[in-house]
Amino acid sequence: MLNETRHTLSLHQIRTRMKELEDLGCLVIHKGRKGTEITEKGIEMIDQLKG
């Protein structure tokens, strides 16, 4: 499990981080109801962070 933290992020900070992850190819952010998809690269990044 990732380290838990008590720091909260604002909505703006979350959107900024998500955009950065999209730019890195870890997420695909769709408009509307389709939502956000994590890519294979994103899954690999999470596995490395957990490892």
N, C-alpha and C. Protein backbone atom coordinates (compact mmCIF):
# COMPACT_ATOMS: atom_id res chain seq x y z
N MET A 1 0.84 -1.18 0.00
CA MET A 1 0.00 0.00 0.00
C MET A 1 0.89 1.25 0.00
N LEU A 2 0.46 2.26 -0.70
CA LEU A 2 1.23 3.51 -0.73
C LEU A 2 1.18 4.16 0.64
N ASN A 3 2.19 4.93 0.95
CA ASN A 3 2.22 5.62 2.24
C ASN A 3 1.02 6.53 2.38
N GLU A 4 0.37 6.45 3.53
CA GLU A 4 -0.76 7.32 3.79
C GLU A 4 -0.26 8.67 4.28
N THR A 5 -0.96 9.71 3.92
CA THR A 5 -0.56 11.05 4.33
C THR A 5 -1.80 11.82 4.74
N ARG A 6 -1.63 12.81 5.57
CA ARG A 6 -2.75 13.61 6.03
C ARG A 6 -2.85 14.93 5.26
N HIS A 7 -2.04 15.08 4.24
CA HIS A 7 -2.08 16.30 3.43
C HIS A 7 -3.22 16.19 2.43
N THR A 8 -4.02 17.22 2.37
CA THR A 8 -5.11 17.21 1.41
C THR A 8 -4.73 18.04 0.20
N LEU A 9 -5.28 17.65 -0.95
CA LEU A 9 -5.03 18.38 -2.18
C LEU A 9 -6.29 19.12 -2.59
N SER A 10 -6.11 20.29 -3.14
CA SER A 10 -7.25 21.03 -3.67
C SER A 10 -7.65 20.41 -5.01
N LEU A 11 -8.84 20.72 -5.46
CA LEU A 11 -9.30 20.23 -6.76
C LEU A 11 -8.35 20.68 -7.88
N HIS A 12 -7.87 21.90 -7.79
CA HIS A 12 -6.91 22.42 -8.78
C HIS A 12 -5.63 21.58 -8.78
N GLN A 13 -5.12 21.25 -7.60
CA GLN A 13 -3.90 20.44 -7.51
C GLN A 13 -4.10 19.05 -8.10
N ILE A 14 -5.27 18.45 -7.85
CA ILE A 14 -5.57 17.13 -8.39
C ILE A 14 -5.62 17.19 -9.90
N ARG A 15 -6.30 18.19 -10.45
CA ARG A 15 -6.40 18.32 -11.91
C ARG A 15 -5.02 18.56 -12.54
N THR A 16 -4.19 19.34 -11.86
CA THR A 16 -2.83 19.59 -12.36
C THR A 16 -2.03 18.30 -12.39
N ARG A 17 -2.08 17.50 -11.33
CA ARG A 17 -1.35 16.23 -11.27
C ARG A 17 -1.86 15.26 -12.34
N MET A 18 -3.19 15.24 -12.52
CA MET A 18 -3.76 14.35 -13.54
C MET A 18 -3.30 14.77 -14.93
N LYS A 19 -3.24 16.06 -15.19
CA LYS A 19 -2.76 16.56 -16.49
C LYS A 19 -1.29 16.17 -16.69
N GLU A 20 -0.48 16.28 -15.65
CA GLU A 20 0.92 15.88 -15.74
C GLU A 20 1.04 14.39 -16.05
N LEU A 21 0.21 13.57 -15.41
CA LEU A 21 0.23 12.13 -15.67
C LEU A 21 -0.25 11.82 -17.09
N GLU A 22 -1.21 12.60 -17.58
CA GLU A 22 -1.65 12.43 -18.96
C GLU A 22 -0.52 12.79 -19.92
N ASP A 23 0.20 13.87 -19.64
CA ASP A 23 1.32 14.28 -20.49
C ASP A 23 2.43 13.23 -20.52
N LEU A 24 2.57 12.47 -19.42
CA LEU A 24 3.58 11.41 -19.33
C LEU A 24 3.09 10.11 -19.98
N GLY A 25 1.81 10.07 -20.36
CA GLY A 25 1.26 8.87 -20.98
C GLY A 25 0.74 7.85 -20.00
N CYS A 26 0.53 8.26 -18.75
CA CYS A 26 0.05 7.33 -17.72
C CYS A 26 -1.47 7.32 -17.60
N LEU A 27 -2.12 8.37 -18.05
CA LEU A 27 -3.57 8.47 -18.01
C LEU A 27 -4.09 8.95 -19.36
N VAL A 28 -5.35 8.60 -19.64
CA VAL A 28 -6.07 9.17 -20.77
C VAL A 28 -7.32 9.80 -20.17
N ILE A 29 -7.43 11.12 -20.27
CA ILE A 29 -8.55 11.84 -19.68
C ILE A 29 -9.55 12.14 -20.79
N HIS A 30 -10.76 11.58 -20.65
CA HIS A 30 -11.83 11.81 -21.62
C HIS A 30 -12.79 12.86 -21.08
N LYS A 31 -13.49 13.49 -21.96
CA LYS A 31 -14.52 14.46 -21.57
C LYS A 31 -15.82 13.71 -21.30
N GLY A 32 -16.65 14.27 -20.46
CA GLY A 32 -17.98 13.72 -20.22
C GLY A 32 -17.96 12.46 -19.39
N ARG A 33 -18.92 11.58 -19.68
CA ARG A 33 -19.13 10.39 -18.86
C ARG A 33 -18.12 9.29 -19.07
N LYS A 34 -17.32 9.39 -20.09
CA LYS A 34 -16.35 8.32 -20.37
C LYS A 34 -15.29 8.22 -19.28
N GLY A 35 -14.99 9.31 -18.64
CA GLY A 35 -14.09 9.27 -17.49
C GLY A 35 -12.61 9.25 -17.85
N THR A 36 -11.82 8.73 -16.93
CA THR A 36 -10.37 8.70 -17.06
C THR A 36 -9.91 7.25 -17.07
N GLU A 37 -8.97 6.94 -17.95
CA GLU A 37 -8.43 5.59 -18.05
C GLU A 37 -6.96 5.62 -17.65
N ILE A 38 -6.53 4.59 -16.94
CA ILE A 38 -5.11 4.43 -16.65
C ILE A 38 -4.52 3.56 -17.74
N THR A 39 -3.38 3.93 -18.24
CA THR A 39 -2.74 3.19 -19.33
C THR A 39 -1.83 2.11 -18.75
N GLU A 40 -1.32 1.27 -19.64
CA GLU A 40 -0.37 0.24 -19.21
C GLU A 40 0.86 0.89 -18.58
N LYS A 41 1.30 2.00 -19.14
CA LYS A 41 2.45 2.73 -18.57
C LYS A 41 2.12 3.20 -17.14
N GLY A 42 0.88 3.65 -16.94
CA GLY A 42 0.45 4.08 -15.61
C GLY A 42 0.45 2.94 -14.61
N ILE A 43 -0.02 1.78 -15.06
CA ILE A 43 -0.03 0.59 -14.19
C ILE A 43 1.39 0.19 -13.81
N GLU A 44 2.29 0.25 -14.78
CA GLU A 44 3.69 -0.06 -14.50
C GLU A 44 4.29 0.92 -13.50
N MET A 45 3.94 2.20 -13.62
CA MET A 45 4.43 3.21 -12.68
C MET A 45 3.95 2.91 -11.26
N ILE A 46 2.68 2.56 -11.13
CA ILE A 46 2.13 2.22 -9.81
C ILE A 46 2.85 1.00 -9.23
N ASP A 47 3.08 -0.01 -10.07
CA ASP A 47 3.78 -1.21 -9.60
C ASP A 47 5.18 -0.87 -9.09
N GLN A 48 5.87 0.04 -9.79
CA GLN A 48 7.20 0.46 -9.35
C GLN A 48 7.14 1.20 -8.02
N LEU A 49 6.14 2.03 -7.84
CA LEU A 49 5.99 2.79 -6.58
C LEU A 49 5.68 1.86 -5.42
N LYS A 50 4.91 0.81 -5.67
CA LYS A 50 4.54 -0.13 -4.62
C LYS A 50 5.70 -1.05 -4.27
N GLY A 51 6.54 -1.34 -5.28
CA GLY A 51 7.60 -2.33 -5.15
C GLY A 51 8.62 -2.00 -4.14
